[in-house]
PDB file of all heavy atoms in Angstrom:
ATOM      1  N   SER A   1       0.860  -1.247  -0.013  1.00  0.00           N
ATOM      2  CA  SER A   1      -0.003  -0.004   0.028  1.00  0.00           C
ATOM      3  C   SER A   1       0.843   1.342   0.020  1.00  0.00           C
ATOM      4  O   SER A   1       0.399   2.353  -0.388  1.00  0.00           O
ATOM      5  CB  SER A   1      -0.974  -0.063   1.204  1.00  0.00           C
ATOM      6  OG  SER A   1      -0.223  -0.085   2.398  1.00  0.00           O
ATOM      7  N   GLY A   2       2.106   1.105   0.427  1.00  0.00           N
ATOM      8  CA  GLY A   2       3.016   2.293   0.401  1.00  0.00           C
ATOM      9  C   GLY A   2       3.715   2.507  -1.029  1.00  0.00           C
ATOM     10  O   GLY A   2       4.523   3.429  -1.133  1.00  0.00           O
ATOM     11  N   GLY A   3       3.347   1.580  -2.013  1.00  0.00           N
ATOM     12  CA  GLY A   3       3.940   1.744  -3.267  1.00  0.00           C
ATOM     13  C   GLY A   3       5.292   0.940  -3.386  1.00  0.00           C
ATOM     14  O   GLY A   3       6.030   1.102  -4.379  1.00  0.00           O
ATOM     15  N   ILE A   4       5.815   0.237  -2.328  1.00  0.00           N
ATOM     16  CA  ILE A   4       6.988  -0.410  -2.424  1.00  0.00           C
ATOM     17  C   ILE A   4       6.895  -1.773  -3.060  1.00  0.00           C
ATOM     18  O   ILE A   4       5.953  -2.540  -2.658  1.00  0.00           O
ATOM     19  CB  ILE A   4       7.538  -0.642  -1.015  1.00  0.00           C
ATOM     20  CG1 ILE A   4       7.630   0.670  -0.267  1.00  0.00           C
ATOM     21  CG2 ILE A   4       9.039  -1.346  -1.066  1.00  0.00           C
ATOM     22  CD1 ILE A   4       8.609   1.712  -0.844  1.00  0.00           C
ATOM     23  N   GLY A   5       7.674  -2.099  -4.047  1.00  0.00           N
ATOM     24  CA  GLY A   5       7.718  -3.417  -4.709  1.00  0.00           C
ATOM     25  C   GLY A   5       7.976  -4.498  -3.759  1.00  0.00           C
ATOM     26  O   GLY A   5       9.067  -4.400  -3.030  1.00  0.00           O
ATOM     27  N   VAL A   6       7.185  -5.436  -3.640  1.00  0.00           N
ATOM     28  CA  VAL A   6       7.434  -6.524  -2.687  1.00  0.00           C
ATOM     29  C   VAL A   6       7.589  -7.940  -3.354  1.00  0.00           C
ATOM     30  O   VAL A   6       8.092  -8.848  -2.700  1.00  0.00           O
ATOM     31  CB  VAL A   6       6.312  -6.730  -1.642  1.00  0.00           C
ATOM     32  CG1 VAL A   6       6.289  -5.434  -0.706  1.00  0.00           C
ATOM     33  CG2 VAL A   6       4.988  -6.904  -2.231  1.00  0.00           C
ATOM     34  N   ALA A   7       7.073  -8.089  -4.564  1.00  0.00           N
ATOM     35  CA  ALA A   7       7.323  -9.365  -5.289  1.00  0.00           C
ATOM     36  C   ALA A   7       7.243  -9.143  -6.716  1.00  0.00           C
ATOM     37  O   ALA A   7       6.622  -8.184  -7.205  1.00  0.00           O
ATOM     38  CB  ALA A   7       6.238 -10.355  -4.741  1.00  0.00           C
ATOM     39  N   MET A   8       7.752 -10.177  -7.524  1.00  0.00           N
ATOM     40  CA  MET A   8       7.702 -10.158  -8.892  1.00  0.00           C
ATOM     41  C   MET A   8       7.656 -11.609  -9.375  1.00  0.00           C
ATOM     42  O   MET A   8       8.310 -12.514  -8.766  1.00  0.00           O
ATOM     43  CB  MET A   8       8.951  -9.489  -9.531  1.00  0.00           C
ATOM     44  CG  MET A   8       8.932  -9.279 -11.030  1.00  0.00           C
ATOM     45  SD  MET A   8      10.275  -8.482 -11.862  1.00  0.00           S
ATOM     46  CE  MET A   8      11.111  -7.428 -10.638  1.00  0.00           C
ATOM     47  N   ALA A   9       6.772 -11.813 -10.510  1.00  0.00           N
ATOM     48  CA  ALA A   9       6.714 -13.278 -10.876  1.00  0.00           C
ATOM     49  C   ALA A   9       6.494 -13.284 -12.449  1.00  0.00           C
ATOM     50  O   ALA A   9       6.093 -12.225 -13.015  1.00  0.00           O
ATOM     51  CB  ALA A   9       5.499 -13.862 -10.347  1.00  0.00           C
ATOM     52  N   LEU A  10       6.928 -14.356 -13.037  1.00  0.00           N
ATOM     53  CA  LEU A  10       6.799 -14.553 -14.490  1.00  0.00           C
ATOM     54  C   LEU A  10       5.345 -14.850 -14.846  1.00  0.00           C
ATOM     55  O   LEU A  10       4.605 -15.570 -14.068  1.00  0.00           O
ATOM     56  CB  LEU A  10       7.616 -15.665 -15.033  1.00  0.00           C
ATOM     57  CG  LEU A  10       9.118 -15.421 -14.851  1.00  0.00           C
ATOM     58  CD1 LEU A  10       9.939 -16.708 -15.396  1.00  0.00           C
ATOM     59  CD2 LEU A  10       9.507 -14.285 -15.790  1.00  0.00           C
ATOM     60  N   VAL A  11       4.782 -14.368 -15.873  1.00  0.00           N
ATOM     61  CA  VAL A  11       3.398 -14.517 -16.370  1.00  0.00           C
ATOM     62  C   VAL A  11       3.482 -14.964 -17.846  1.00  0.00           C
ATOM     63  O   VAL A  11       4.264 -14.650 -18.630  1.00  0.00           O
ATOM     64  CB  VAL A  11       2.610 -13.335 -16.120  1.00  0.00           C
ATOM     65  CG1 VAL A  11       2.471 -12.963 -14.672  1.00  0.00           C
ATOM     66  CG2 VAL A  11       3.042 -12.047 -16.965  1.00  0.00           C
ATOM     67  N   SER A  12       2.243 -15.541 -18.261  1.00  0.00           N
ATOM     68  CA  SER A  12       1.964 -15.713 -19.660  1.00  0.00           C
ATOM     69  C   SER A  12       0.599 -15.115 -19.828  1.00  0.00           C
ATOM     70  O   SER A  12      -0.231 -14.980 -18.949  1.00  0.00           O
ATOM     71  CB  SER A  12       2.008 -17.177 -20.008  1.00  0.00           C
ATOM     72  OG  SER A  12       1.076 -17.960 -19.244  1.00  0.00           O
ATOM     73  N   GLY A  13       0.293 -14.817 -21.093  1.00  0.00           N
ATOM     74  CA  GLY A  13      -0.909 -14.217 -21.523  1.00  0.00           C
ATOM     75  C   GLY A  13      -2.127 -15.054 -21.453  1.00  0.00           C
ATOM     76  O   GLY A  13      -2.001 -16.309 -21.629  1.00  0.00           O
ATOM     77  N   LEU A  14      -3.360 -14.572 -21.060  1.00  0.00           N
ATOM     78  CA  LEU A  14      -4.558 -15.339 -21.033  1.00  0.00           C
ATOM     79  C   LEU A  14      -5.495 -14.698 -22.189  1.00  0.00           C
ATOM     80  O   LEU A  14      -5.383 -13.602 -22.460  1.00  0.00           O
ATOM     81  CB  LEU A  14      -5.251 -15.364 -19.810  1.00  0.00           C
ATOM     82  CG  LEU A  14      -4.630 -16.204 -18.656  1.00  0.00           C
ATOM     83  CD1 LEU A  14      -5.324 -15.695 -17.298  1.00  0.00           C
ATOM     84  CD2 LEU A  14      -4.772 -17.550 -18.886  1.00  0.00           C
ATOM     85  N   SER A  15      -6.403 -15.493 -22.748  1.00  0.00           N
ATOM     86  CA  SER A  15      -7.215 -15.005 -23.772  1.00  0.00           C
ATOM     87  C   SER A  15      -8.088 -13.889 -23.372  1.00  0.00           C
ATOM     88  O   SER A  15      -8.330 -13.689 -22.096  1.00  0.00           O
ATOM     89  CB  SER A  15      -8.169 -16.071 -24.362  1.00  0.00           C
ATOM     90  OG  SER A  15      -9.005 -16.644 -23.298  1.00  0.00           O
ATOM     91  N   ALA A  16      -8.690 -13.158 -24.187  1.00  0.00           N
ATOM     92  CA  ALA A  16      -9.511 -11.882 -23.796  1.00  0.00           C
ATOM     93  C   ALA A  16     -10.680 -12.373 -22.928  1.00  0.00           C
ATOM     94  O   ALA A  16     -11.212 -13.449 -23.163  1.00  0.00           O
ATOM     95  CB  ALA A  16      -9.946 -11.218 -25.164  1.00  0.00           C
ATOM     96  N   HIS A  17     -11.083 -11.464 -22.053  1.00  0.00           N
ATOM     97  CA  HIS A  17     -12.194 -11.722 -21.174  1.00  0.00           C
ATOM     98  C   HIS A  17     -12.810 -10.373 -20.901  1.00  0.00           C
ATOM     99  O   HIS A  17     -12.169  -9.512 -20.325  1.00  0.00           O
ATOM    100  CB  HIS A  17     -11.715 -12.472 -19.871  1.00  0.00           C
ATOM    101  CG  HIS A  17     -12.799 -13.087 -19.109  1.00  0.00           C
ATOM    102  ND1 HIS A  17     -13.148 -14.377 -19.383  1.00  0.00           N
ATOM    103  CD2 HIS A  17     -13.487 -12.662 -18.172  1.00  0.00           C
ATOM    104  CE1 HIS A  17     -14.138 -14.643 -18.577  1.00  0.00           C
ATOM    105  NE2 HIS A  17     -14.345 -13.620 -17.718  1.00  0.00           N
ATOM    106  N   ARG A  18     -14.038 -10.133 -21.242  1.00  0.00           N
ATOM    107  CA  ARG A  18     -14.655  -8.907 -21.056  1.00  0.00           C
ATOM    108  C   ARG A  18     -15.299  -8.780 -19.638  1.00  0.00           C
ATOM    109  O   ARG A  18     -15.380  -9.802 -18.901  1.00  0.00           O
ATOM    110  CB  ARG A  18     -15.797  -8.773 -22.059  1.00  0.00           C
ATOM    111  CG  ARG A  18     -15.380  -8.934 -23.438  1.00  0.00           C
ATOM    112  CD  ARG A  18     -14.640  -7.660 -23.909  1.00  0.00           C
ATOM    113  NE  ARG A  18     -14.133  -7.785 -25.272  1.00  0.00           N
ATOM    114  CZ  ARG A  18     -13.109  -7.309 -25.760  1.00  0.00           C
ATOM    115  NH1 ARG A  18     -12.428  -6.475 -24.998  1.00  0.00           N
ATOM    116  NH2 ARG A  18     -12.799  -7.426 -27.016  1.00  0.00           N
ATOM    117  N   GLY A  19     -15.610  -7.610 -19.238  1.00  0.00           N
ATOM    118  CA  GLY A  19     -16.384  -7.353 -18.060  1.00  0.00           C
ATOM    119  C   GLY A  19     -15.458  -7.233 -16.849  1.00  0.00           C
ATOM    120  O   GLY A  19     -16.020  -7.426 -15.728  1.00  0.00           O
ATOM    121  N   ARG A  20     -14.298  -6.705 -16.905  1.00  0.00           N
ATOM    122  CA  ARG A  20     -13.335  -6.623 -15.765  1.00  0.00           C
ATOM    123  C   ARG A  20     -13.113  -5.140 -15.552  1.00  0.00           C
ATOM    124  O   ARG A  20     -11.980  -4.777 -15.445  1.00  0.00           O
ATOM    125  CB  ARG A  20     -12.076  -7.372 -16.051  1.00  0.00           C
ATOM    126  CG  ARG A  20     -12.229  -8.800 -16.410  1.00  0.00           C
ATOM    127  CD  ARG A  20     -12.000  -9.686 -15.192  1.00  0.00           C
ATOM    128  NE  ARG A  20     -11.894 -11.063 -15.624  1.00  0.00           N
ATOM    129  CZ  ARG A  20     -12.887 -11.965 -15.142  1.00  0.00           C
ATOM    130  NH1 ARG A  20     -13.735 -11.589 -14.273  1.00  0.00           N
ATOM    131  NH2 ARG A  20     -12.680 -13.190 -15.552  1.00  0.00           N
ATOM    132  N   ASN A  21     -14.155  -4.353 -15.513  1.00  0.00           N
ATOM    133  CA  ASN A  21     -13.977  -2.883 -15.371  1.00  0.00           C
ATOM    134  C   ASN A  21     -13.118  -2.504 -14.213  1.00  0.00           C
ATOM    135  O   ASN A  21     -12.387  -1.316 -14.418  1.00  0.00           O
ATOM    136  CB  ASN A  21     -15.322  -2.248 -15.273  1.00  0.00           C
ATOM    137  CG  ASN A  21     -16.172  -2.301 -16.540  1.00  0.00           C
ATOM    138  OD1 ASN A  21     -15.530  -2.531 -17.621  1.00  0.00           O
ATOM    139  ND2 ASN A  21     -17.485  -2.275 -16.400  1.00  0.00           N
ATOM    140  N   ASN A  22     -13.205  -3.068 -13.100  1.00  0.00           N
ATOM    141  CA  ASN A  22     -12.360  -2.718 -11.887  1.00  0.00           C
ATOM    142  C   ASN A  22     -11.103  -3.620 -11.828  1.00  0.00           C
ATOM    143  O   ASN A  22     -10.314  -3.394 -10.902  1.00  0.00           O
ATOM    144  CB  ASN A  22     -13.169  -2.939 -10.664  1.00  0.00           C
ATOM    145  CG  ASN A  22     -14.315  -1.813 -10.547  1.00  0.00           C
ATOM    146  OD1 ASN A  22     -14.113  -0.735 -11.027  1.00  0.00           O
ATOM    147  ND2 ASN A  22     -15.408  -2.340 -10.214  1.00  0.00           N
ATOM    148  N   GLY A  23     -10.815  -4.490 -12.654  1.00  0.00           N
ATOM    149  CA  GLY A  23      -9.733  -5.374 -12.529  1.00  0.00           C
ATOM    150  C   GLY A  23     -10.110  -6.478 -11.540  1.00  0.00           C
ATOM    151  O   GLY A  23     -11.134  -6.407 -10.815  1.00  0.00           O
ATOM    152  N   GLN A  24      -9.290  -7.615 -11.654  1.00  0.00           N
ATOM    153  CA  GLN A  24      -9.532  -8.796 -10.669  1.00  0.00           C
ATOM    154  C   GLN A  24      -8.268  -9.506 -10.549  1.00  0.00           C
ATOM    155  O   GLN A  24      -7.376  -9.604 -11.409  1.00  0.00           O
ATOM    156  CB  GLN A  24     -10.486  -9.642 -11.490  1.00  0.00           C
ATOM    157  CG  GLN A  24     -11.054 -10.847 -10.563  1.00  0.00           C
ATOM    158  CD  GLN A  24     -12.106 -11.544 -11.264  1.00  0.00           C
ATOM    159  OE1 GLN A  24     -11.972 -12.045 -12.382  1.00  0.00           O
ATOM    160  NE2 GLN A  24     -13.253 -11.769 -10.605  1.00  0.00           N
ATOM    161  N   VAL A  25      -8.068 -10.055  -9.271  1.00  0.00           N
ATOM    162  CA  VAL A  25      -6.989 -10.792  -8.910  1.00  0.00           C
ATOM    163  C   VAL A  25      -7.466 -12.183  -8.627  1.00  0.00           C
ATOM    164  O   VAL A  25      -8.489 -12.203  -7.720  1.00  0.00           O
ATOM    165  CB  VAL A  25      -6.213 -10.119  -7.816  1.00  0.00           C
ATOM    166  CG1 VAL A  25      -5.109 -11.001  -7.394  1.00  0.00           C
ATOM    167  CG2 VAL A  25      -5.725  -8.840  -8.145  1.00  0.00           C
TER     168      VAL A  25
END
């Protein structure tokens, strides 16, 4: 919450998915 980087991970893309106006984790 203070803007400090705490972790990083490798990702791959997922297909398009609509309706995520606020984002989702």
